[in-house]
Amino acid sequence: MAGETRGKPIRCRAAVCWKAGEPLVMEEVMVAPPLVGEVRIRIICTSLCHSDITYWKLKDPPSCVPRILGHEAVGVVESVGENVSEVTEGDTVLPIFMPDCGQCTDCKSEKSNLCSKFPFRLSPWMPRYESSRFTTLKGEVLYHFLFVSSFSEYTVVDIANITKIDPAIPPNRACLFSCGVSTASFCESNTDLRFSGVGAAWKTANVEKGSTVAIFGLGAIGLAVAEGSRLCGASRIIGVDLNPDKFEIGKKFGITDFVNSGNCGDKPVSQVIMEMTEGGADYCFECVGLASLVEEAFACCRKRPNQINQDQKGHRSTVRLGWGKTIVLGVDRPGSMLKFSSFDILLSGKSLMGSAYGSIKPKSDVPVLLKRYMDKELDVDKFVTHELKFEDINKAFDLLIEGKSLRCVIWMDK
């Protein structure tokens, strides 16, 4: 079909969000051919992420409608624009919301996965041209989402957001690596690089053997963090969630203790964890996307007791050093603010850091993750709880909102 459609608009089905919080509307749309530096792909399957839910509900900017949501997917290249040599027609690819141009200072550095040539933005447009490739049959513009928009049978993505993968990888597993699973993927020790389920640990937290971990939110990302922490050797992994059923599910991923944040009485959940751990967890991961939970996670992150130093003249000094780290993985509503005591931050020595896409680099790290999966070093099968037809996409939203699914894979042609 590629030869017949190359350079021409394609008419296909898409699930369009016309109004915040209302069911997506399945309709036919037009997908323009790719411009310079762009790739048009046929989506094989896509999965639903909590970020899709967040922006589907959002009524204020940067929300905009009508829009085609979706950003976890796998597809096949239908055609490429000029100056694209990295992939060709027929290649299997992952569209990934984090750009990786491979040319800028940040993309060349091992210290960052934030591209400076194409900075990540919550833009409704394609990154190079500030325009859309989607229109309705009447010619009305449809907005993009996270540079991917995978709730469409065809989409156009910038080459900076495309990673070529092995076509032998099952598509209903490969799609998970374009967001959720990759957000939590590796664990690094001092002597080797061991696979685990926590990308934030590999690049940012460096969870050690024997440590205590607290995870706020036991969705797919939170459970991936749990699995990674377990494989890194954490001795205690505390899961925090409002859904009591998540404890039994979490045990499969390494959760050892569970706190129902709705049943803490007059105590904040941070105090409960402080008491459970006699001073706080070594690592706290916020995997929901709520400023209040980030503050709770930071509050129960361990701080080191006073260390007394004495110099050669006998002068003693007190040094307070914190080893606790709080890592933010959840996507909050734009504009949400955090409130901390500067005095507490100064004296506790604790760290607070973000970890977008697990701090991994899409084009170099994702193929490594996929190989680990094919080598059976990573089990992602347990993350997929449901698989549906494209026309049933609104049911996938219901399942995730009700807490009945971790990842729901949506097939375009099944």
Protein backbone atom coordinates (compact mmCIF):
# COMPACT_ATOMS: atom_id res chain seq x y z
CA MET A 1 0.00 0.00 0.00
CA ALA A 2 2.94 2.32 0.73
CA GLY A 3 3.67 2.84 -2.96
CA GLU A 4 0.04 3.79 -3.63
CA THR A 5 -0.26 6.24 -0.72
CA ARG A 6 3.23 7.76 -0.65
CA GLY A 7 2.99 11.54 -0.89
CA LYS A 8 -0.82 11.51 -0.68
CA PRO A 9 -3.26 12.08 2.22
CA ILE A 10 -4.57 8.92 3.84
CA ARG A 11 -8.16 8.50 5.00
CA CYS A 12 -8.41 6.35 8.12
CA ARG A 13 -10.16 5.88 11.46
CA ALA A 14 -9.22 7.82 14.58
CA ALA A 15 -10.65 8.14 18.09
CA VAL A 16 -11.09 11.90 18.50
CA CYS A 17 -11.47 13.80 21.77
CA TRP A 18 -14.00 16.55 21.04
CA LYS A 19 -14.70 17.58 24.63
CA ALA A 20 -12.73 17.09 27.84
CA GLY A 21 -13.83 14.05 29.81
CA GLU A 22 -16.35 12.83 27.25
CA PRO A 23 -16.08 9.52 25.34
CA LEU A 24 -13.82 9.57 22.31
CA VAL A 25 -15.59 9.64 18.97
CA MET A 26 -14.58 7.08 16.35
CA GLU A 27 -14.57 8.76 12.95
CA GLU A 28 -12.72 8.97 9.67
CA VAL A 29 -9.97 11.59 9.39
CA MET A 30 -7.36 12.68 6.87
CA VAL A 31 -3.66 12.20 7.62
CA ALA A 32 -1.36 14.36 5.49
CA PRO A 33 1.92 13.00 4.08
CA PRO A 34 5.10 13.65 6.09
CA LEU A 35 7.11 16.83 5.55
CA VAL A 36 10.90 17.13 5.74
CA GLY A 37 12.23 15.19 8.75
CA GLU A 38 8.93 13.41 9.39
CA VAL A 39 7.66 9.83 9.17
CA ARG A 40 4.13 8.55 8.58
CA ILE A 41 3.44 5.27 10.30
CA ARG A 42 0.63 2.74 10.38
CA ILE A 43 -0.19 1.97 13.99
CA ILE A 44 -0.37 -1.76 14.77
CA CYS A 45 -1.46 -1.39 18.37
CA THR A 46 -1.43 1.21 21.10
CA SER A 47 -1.84 1.08 24.86
CA LEU A 48 -3.52 3.42 27.28
CA CYS A 49 -1.44 5.37 29.81
CA HIS A 50 -2.57 7.47 32.79
CA SER A 51 -1.13 10.54 31.04
CA ASP A 52 -3.77 10.06 28.34
CA ILE A 53 -6.41 10.08 31.07
CA THR A 54 -4.94 13.21 32.67
CA TYR A 55 -5.04 15.25 29.47
CA TRP A 56 -8.36 13.78 28.36
CA LYS A 57 -9.91 15.17 31.55
CA LEU A 58 -8.09 18.50 31.41
CA LYS A 59 -10.30 21.47 30.47
CA ASP A 60 -7.75 24.30 30.72
CA PRO A 61 -4.64 25.05 28.61
CA PRO A 62 -2.46 23.36 27.49
CA SER A 63 -5.48 21.17 26.84
CA CYS A 64 -7.09 21.75 23.46
CA VAL A 65 -9.76 20.05 21.38
CA PRO A 66 -10.44 18.47 19.02
CA ARG A 67 -7.42 16.28 19.62
CA ILE A 68 -6.12 12.79 18.89
CA LEU A 69 -4.63 11.40 22.09
CA GLY A 70 -2.38 8.36 22.61
CA HIS A 71 1.40 8.05 22.91
CA GLU A 72 2.24 4.39 23.72
CA ALA A 73 2.34 2.49 20.45
CA VAL A 74 4.16 0.44 17.85
CA GLY A 75 3.79 0.77 14.11
CA VAL A 76 5.22 0.25 10.63
CA VAL A 77 6.68 3.03 8.49
CA GLU A 78 4.32 3.79 5.59
CA SER A 79 6.36 6.63 4.08
CA VAL A 80 9.10 9.10 4.99
CA GLY A 81 9.67 12.76 4.27
CA GLU A 82 12.79 14.28 2.78
CA ASN A 83 16.09 14.07 4.67
CA VAL A 84 15.00 10.95 6.56
CA SER A 85 17.55 8.14 6.26
CA GLU A 86 17.30 6.53 9.70
CA VAL A 87 14.24 4.45 8.77
CA THR A 88 12.64 3.32 5.54
CA GLU A 89 9.25 2.06 4.40
CA GLY A 90 8.30 -1.21 6.10
CA ASP A 91 10.47 -0.72 9.21
CA THR A 92 8.90 -1.49 12.58
CA VAL A 93 9.19 1.49 14.91
CA LEU A 94 8.22 2.90 18.27
CA PRO A 95 6.96 6.49 18.30
CA ILE A 96 8.31 7.96 21.56
CA PHE A 97 7.21 11.26 23.08
CA MET A 98 10.75 12.11 24.25
CA PRO A 99 12.76 13.50 21.30
CA ASP A 100 16.25 12.17 20.63
CA CYS A 101 17.82 14.07 17.73
CA GLY A 102 21.27 12.57 18.30
CA GLN A 103 22.92 15.84 17.29
CA CYS A 104 22.56 18.41 20.09
CA THR A 105 24.86 18.67 23.10
CA ASP A 106 22.32 17.04 25.41
CA CYS A 107 21.55 14.11 23.13
CA LYS A 108 25.27 13.44 22.72
CA SER A 109 25.81 13.55 26.47
CA GLU A 110 25.28 10.58 28.76
CA LYS A 111 24.07 12.95 31.47
CA SER A 112 20.73 13.88 29.94
CA ASN A 113 17.83 12.53 27.90
CA LEU A 114 16.34 15.99 27.32
CA CYS A 115 16.89 17.07 23.72
CA SER A 116 17.74 20.76 23.38
CA LYS A 117 17.14 20.89 19.61
CA PHE A 118 13.54 19.73 20.07
CA PRO A 119 12.70 20.49 23.71
CA PHE A 120 9.81 18.51 25.12
CA ARG A 121 6.65 20.63 25.12
CA LEU A 122 2.94 20.06 25.58
CA SER A 123 2.38 21.28 22.05
CA PRO A 124 -0.62 20.56 19.81
CA TRP A 125 1.62 20.71 16.74
CA MET A 126 4.40 18.86 14.98
CA PRO A 127 7.72 19.99 16.51
CA ARG A 128 9.42 21.46 13.42
CA TYR A 129 6.60 23.32 11.74
CA GLU A 130 4.01 24.25 14.38
CA SER A 131 1.27 22.69 12.26
CA SER A 132 -0.95 19.60 12.28
CA ARG A 133 -1.06 16.61 9.93
CA PHE A 134 -4.63 15.72 10.93
CA THR A 135 -7.90 17.14 9.65
CA THR A 136 -11.52 16.02 9.70
CA LEU A 137 -13.20 15.11 6.43
CA LYS A 138 -14.58 18.67 6.47
CA GLY A 139 -11.09 20.15 6.73
CA GLU A 140 -11.13 21.11 10.43
CA VAL A 141 -7.73 20.87 12.12
CA LEU A 142 -7.25 18.11 14.70
CA TYR A 143 -4.50 18.67 17.27
CA HIS A 144 -1.58 16.36 18.05
CA PHE A 145 -0.71 14.94 21.47
CA LEU A 146 2.82 14.47 22.85
CA PHE A 147 4.21 14.41 19.28
CA VAL A 148 2.64 10.94 18.76
CA SER A 149 -1.20 10.79 18.60
CA SER A 150 -1.47 7.01 18.38
CA PHE A 151 -5.27 6.76 18.69
CA SER A 152 -5.37 6.82 14.91
CA GLU A 153 -4.73 4.09 12.35
CA TYR A 154 -2.09 6.35 10.80
CA THR A 155 -0.08 9.16 12.34
CA VAL A 156 2.86 11.40 11.45
CA VAL A 157 5.82 11.63 13.82
CA ASP A 158 9.11 13.52 13.67
CA ILE A 159 12.16 11.32 13.09
CA ALA A 160 13.55 12.61 16.40
CA ASN A 161 10.64 10.78 18.07
CA ILE A 162 11.09 7.49 16.18
CA THR A 163 13.09 4.45 17.33
CA LYS A 164 13.54 1.51 14.97
CA ILE A 165 13.05 -1.91 16.59
CA ASP A 166 13.25 -5.62 15.76
CA PRO A 167 10.05 -6.68 13.94
CA ALA A 168 10.18 -10.05 15.72
CA ILE A 169 9.13 -8.44 19.00
CA PRO A 170 5.41 -9.03 19.67
CA PRO A 171 3.67 -5.70 19.03
CA ASN A 172 1.38 -6.04 22.06
CA ARG A 173 4.50 -6.00 24.23
CA ALA A 174 6.70 -3.69 22.19
CA CYS A 175 4.22 -0.82 22.51
CA LEU A 176 4.72 -0.74 26.29
CA PHE A 177 8.33 0.33 25.82
CA SER A 178 7.37 3.63 24.23
CA CYS A 179 6.38 4.94 27.66
CA GLY A 180 5.41 2.95 30.78
CA VAL A 181 7.85 0.05 30.92
CA SER A 182 10.79 2.14 29.73
CA THR A 183 10.06 4.79 32.33
CA ALA A 184 11.22 2.14 34.78
CA SER A 185 13.84 -0.03 33.20
CA PHE A 186 17.37 -0.51 34.54
CA CYS A 187 19.29 -0.78 37.79
CA GLU A 188 22.98 -0.01 37.99
CA SER A 189 25.42 -1.40 40.52
CA ASN A 190 29.05 -0.42 40.98
CA THR A 191 30.35 -3.41 39.08
CA ASP A 192 27.82 -4.20 36.39
CA LEU A 193 24.65 -3.14 34.65
CA ARG A 194 21.86 -5.44 35.71
CA PHE A 195 18.43 -5.34 34.16
CA SER A 196 15.56 -4.47 36.44
CA GLY A 197 12.26 -2.68 36.22
CA VAL A 198 13.25 0.79 37.24
CA GLY A 199 14.68 3.29 34.75
CA ALA A 200 14.66 5.97 37.38
CA ALA A 201 16.91 3.77 39.50
CA TRP A 202 19.33 3.15 36.66
CA LYS A 203 19.82 6.75 35.68
CA THR A 204 18.81 8.63 38.78
CA ALA A 205 18.13 6.88 42.09
CA ASN A 206 20.60 3.97 42.03
CA VAL A 207 18.64 1.82 44.50
CA GLU A 208 21.03 -0.31 46.53
CA LYS A 209 20.79 -3.75 48.03
CA GLY A 210 19.14 -3.74 51.45
CA SER A 211 17.47 -0.36 51.01
CA THR A 212 13.88 0.59 51.80
CA VAL A 213 11.65 1.93 49.03
CA ALA A 214 8.25 3.62 49.22
CA ILE A 215 6.16 3.85 46.06
CA PHE A 216 3.21 6.24 45.86
CA GLY A 217 0.76 4.88 43.30
CA LEU A 218 0.64 1.24 42.18
CA GLY A 219 -0.32 1.64 38.56
CA ALA A 220 1.85 0.21 35.79
CA ILE A 221 4.73 2.62 36.42
CA GLY A 222 4.61 2.18 40.19
CA LEU A 223 4.63 -1.59 39.84
CA ALA A 224 7.53 -1.38 37.39
CA VAL A 225 9.42 0.60 40.02
CA ALA A 226 8.59 -2.14 42.53
CA GLU A 227 9.89 -4.86 40.24
CA GLY A 228 13.06 -2.90 39.61
CA SER A 229 13.61 -2.21 43.29
CA ARG A 230 13.21 -5.90 44.04
CA LEU A 231 15.75 -6.86 41.40
CA CYS A 232 18.11 -4.20 42.73
CA GLY A 233 17.96 -5.96 46.09
CA ALA A 234 15.73 -3.64 48.11
CA SER A 235 14.83 -5.41 51.35
CA ARG A 236 11.54 -3.60 51.90
CA ILE A 237 9.20 -2.16 49.28
CA ILE A 238 6.20 -0.25 50.60
CA GLY A 239 3.30 0.37 48.23
CA VAL A 240 0.91 3.25 48.81
CA ASP A 241 -2.46 3.31 47.07
CA LEU A 242 -6.16 3.96 47.68
CA ASN A 243 -7.15 0.65 46.10
CA PRO A 244 -6.70 -2.23 48.60
CA ASP A 245 -6.70 -4.76 45.75
CA LYS A 246 -3.37 -3.36 44.62
CA PHE A 247 -1.56 -5.11 47.48
CA GLU A 248 -2.22 -8.60 46.13
CA ILE A 249 -1.30 -7.42 42.63
CA GLY A 250 1.77 -5.65 43.98
CA LYS A 251 3.11 -8.78 45.69
CA LYS A 252 3.80 -10.21 42.23
CA PHE A 253 6.08 -7.24 41.56
CA GLY A 254 7.94 -7.23 44.87
CA ILE A 255 5.70 -5.16 47.19
CA THR A 256 6.32 -6.31 50.77
CA ASP A 257 4.14 -3.83 52.69
CA PHE A 258 1.02 -1.88 51.83
CA VAL A 259 -0.43 1.40 53.08
CA ASN A 260 -3.97 2.37 52.15
CA SER A 261 -3.64 6.14 52.10
CA GLY A 262 -7.37 6.47 52.68
CA ASN A 263 -7.25 4.60 55.97
CA CYS A 264 -4.53 6.46 57.86
CA GLY A 265 -6.92 8.19 60.24
CA ASP A 266 -5.64 11.55 61.47
CA LYS A 267 -2.08 10.79 60.41
CA PRO A 268 -0.64 11.88 57.07
CA VAL A 269 0.62 8.93 55.06
CA SER A 270 4.18 10.28 55.40
CA GLN A 271 3.97 9.90 59.20
CA VAL A 272 2.74 6.33 58.84
CA ILE A 273 5.73 5.47 56.65
CA MET A 274 8.12 7.30 58.99
CA GLU A 275 6.87 5.12 61.84
CA MET A 276 7.01 1.93 59.77
CA THR A 277 10.60 2.58 58.73
CA GLU A 278 11.86 4.21 61.92
CA GLY A 279 12.89 7.40 60.20
CA GLY A 280 11.81 7.20 56.58
CA ALA A 281 12.40 5.31 53.35
CA ASP A 282 15.72 5.51 51.55
CA TYR A 283 13.96 6.06 48.22
CA CYS A 284 10.48 7.44 47.59
CA PHE A 285 8.90 7.34 44.13
CA GLU A 286 5.85 9.45 43.27
CA CYS A 287 4.10 7.66 40.39
CA VAL A 288 0.67 9.30 40.33
CA GLY A 289 1.15 12.92 39.40
CA LEU A 290 -0.11 14.88 42.40
CA ALA A 291 1.81 17.72 44.03
CA SER A 292 0.43 16.70 47.44
CA LEU A 293 1.87 13.20 47.03
CA VAL A 294 5.26 14.58 46.03
CA GLU A 295 5.26 16.55 49.28
CA GLU A 296 4.24 13.46 51.26
CA ALA A 297 6.93 11.38 49.56
CA PHE A 298 9.60 13.97 50.32
CA ALA A 299 8.41 14.23 53.93
CA CYS A 300 8.96 10.50 54.56
CA CYS A 301 12.27 10.30 52.72
CA ARG A 302 15.07 9.42 55.14
CA LYS A 303 17.50 11.97 56.46
CA ARG A 304 20.78 10.93 58.01
CA PRO A 305 21.32 11.53 61.75
CA ASN A 306 23.84 14.16 62.82
CA GLN A 307 27.45 13.24 62.06
CA ILE A 308 30.06 14.57 64.51
CA ASN A 309 33.41 15.55 62.97
CA GLN A 310 36.53 16.45 64.97
CA ASP A 311 39.58 18.16 63.52
CA GLN A 312 43.24 17.78 64.63
CA LYS A 313 42.86 20.52 67.22
CA GLY A 314 39.95 18.79 68.86
CA HIS A 315 37.30 21.12 67.50
CA ARG A 316 34.03 19.30 66.97
CA SER A 317 31.46 20.15 64.33
CA THR A 318 28.06 18.72 63.50
CA VAL A 319 27.28 17.81 59.91
CA ARG A 320 23.83 16.69 58.82
CA LEU A 321 23.88 14.71 55.61
CA GLY A 322 20.84 13.13 53.98
CA TRP A 323 20.86 10.10 51.74
CA GLY A 324 17.13 10.00 51.05
CA LYS A 325 15.98 10.56 47.48
CA THR A 326 12.50 11.38 46.20
CA ILE A 327 11.99 10.72 42.50
CA VAL A 328 8.99 12.18 40.68
CA LEU A 329 7.64 10.05 37.83
CA GLY A 330 3.95 10.99 37.81
CA VAL A 331 2.57 13.57 35.38
CA ASP A 332 0.67 16.30 37.25
CA ARG A 333 -1.65 18.95 35.86
CA PRO A 334 0.31 21.81 34.27
CA GLY A 335 0.92 24.66 36.67
CA SER A 336 0.79 22.53 39.83
CA MET A 337 3.14 23.92 42.47
CA LEU A 338 5.11 22.29 45.30
CA LYS A 339 5.52 23.80 48.76
CA PHE A 340 8.51 22.98 50.96
CA SER A 341 10.22 24.50 53.92
CA SER A 342 13.59 25.82 52.77
CA PHE A 343 14.88 25.28 56.31
CA ASP A 344 13.92 21.59 56.14
CA ILE A 345 15.60 21.18 52.76
CA LEU A 346 18.75 22.87 54.03
CA LEU A 347 19.08 20.73 57.16
CA SER A 348 17.80 17.39 55.89
CA GLY A 349 20.13 17.13 52.91
CA LYS A 350 17.53 15.05 51.08
CA SER A 351 17.24 15.08 47.30
CA LEU A 352 14.20 15.72 45.12
CA MET A 353 14.49 15.00 41.41
CA GLY A 354 12.40 14.37 38.35
CA SER A 355 12.82 11.45 35.99
CA ALA A 356 11.16 12.01 32.61
CA TYR A 357 10.89 8.75 30.66
CA GLY A 358 13.03 7.11 33.34
CA SER A 359 15.93 9.35 32.25
CA ILE A 360 16.73 6.90 29.46
CA LYS A 361 17.67 7.76 25.90
CA PRO A 362 15.10 6.43 23.41
CA LYS A 363 17.34 5.50 20.49
CA SER A 364 20.20 3.91 22.40
CA ASP A 365 18.56 2.52 25.55
CA VAL A 366 15.18 1.24 24.30
CA PRO A 367 16.73 -1.34 21.93
CA VAL A 368 18.72 -2.66 24.90
CA LEU A 369 15.52 -3.00 26.93
CA LEU A 370 13.78 -4.81 24.09
CA LYS A 371 16.68 -7.25 23.75
CA ARG A 372 16.46 -7.95 27.47
CA TYR A 373 12.78 -8.72 27.00
CA MET A 374 13.46 -11.07 24.08
CA ASP A 375 16.20 -12.74 26.12
CA LYS A 376 13.57 -13.33 28.86
CA GLU A 377 15.41 -11.16 31.37
CA LEU A 378 12.43 -8.84 31.62
CA ASP A 379 8.86 -10.01 32.11
CA VAL A 380 6.43 -7.40 30.83
CA ASP A 381 3.61 -9.86 30.16
CA LYS A 382 2.13 -9.33 33.62
CA PHE A 383 1.63 -5.63 32.90
CA VAL A 384 -0.86 -6.36 30.12
CA THR A 385 -4.19 -7.11 31.79
CA HIS A 386 -6.55 -6.45 28.87
CA GLU A 387 -6.53 -6.38 25.07
CA LEU A 388 -9.32 -4.73 23.08
CA LYS A 389 -10.37 -3.79 19.55
CA PHE A 390 -9.88 -0.18 18.47
CA GLU A 391 -13.63 0.45 18.40
CA ASP A 392 -13.76 -0.47 22.11
CA ILE A 393 -11.22 2.18 23.15
CA ASN A 394 -13.64 3.91 25.53
CA LYS A 395 -13.92 0.66 27.47
CA ALA A 396 -10.15 0.82 27.96
CA PHE A 397 -10.59 4.26 29.54
CA ASP A 398 -13.25 2.88 31.90
CA LEU A 399 -11.05 -0.04 32.97
CA LEU A 400 -8.08 2.20 33.77
CA ILE A 401 -10.15 4.82 35.59
CA GLU A 402 -11.83 2.11 37.69
CA GLY A 403 -8.45 0.62 38.61
CA LYS A 404 -9.23 -2.67 36.88
CA SER A 405 -6.33 -2.64 34.44
CA LEU A 406 -2.61 -1.94 34.43
CA ARG A 407 -2.08 -1.71 30.71
CA CYS A 408 -4.78 -2.26 28.12
CA VAL A 409 -3.48 -2.96 24.60
CA ILE A 410 -5.73 -1.67 21.81
CA TRP A 411 -5.41 -3.39 18.43
CA MET A 412 -6.15 -1.41 15.29
CA ASP A 413 -7.21 -4.30 13.06
CA LYS A 414 -8.31 -7.10 15.39
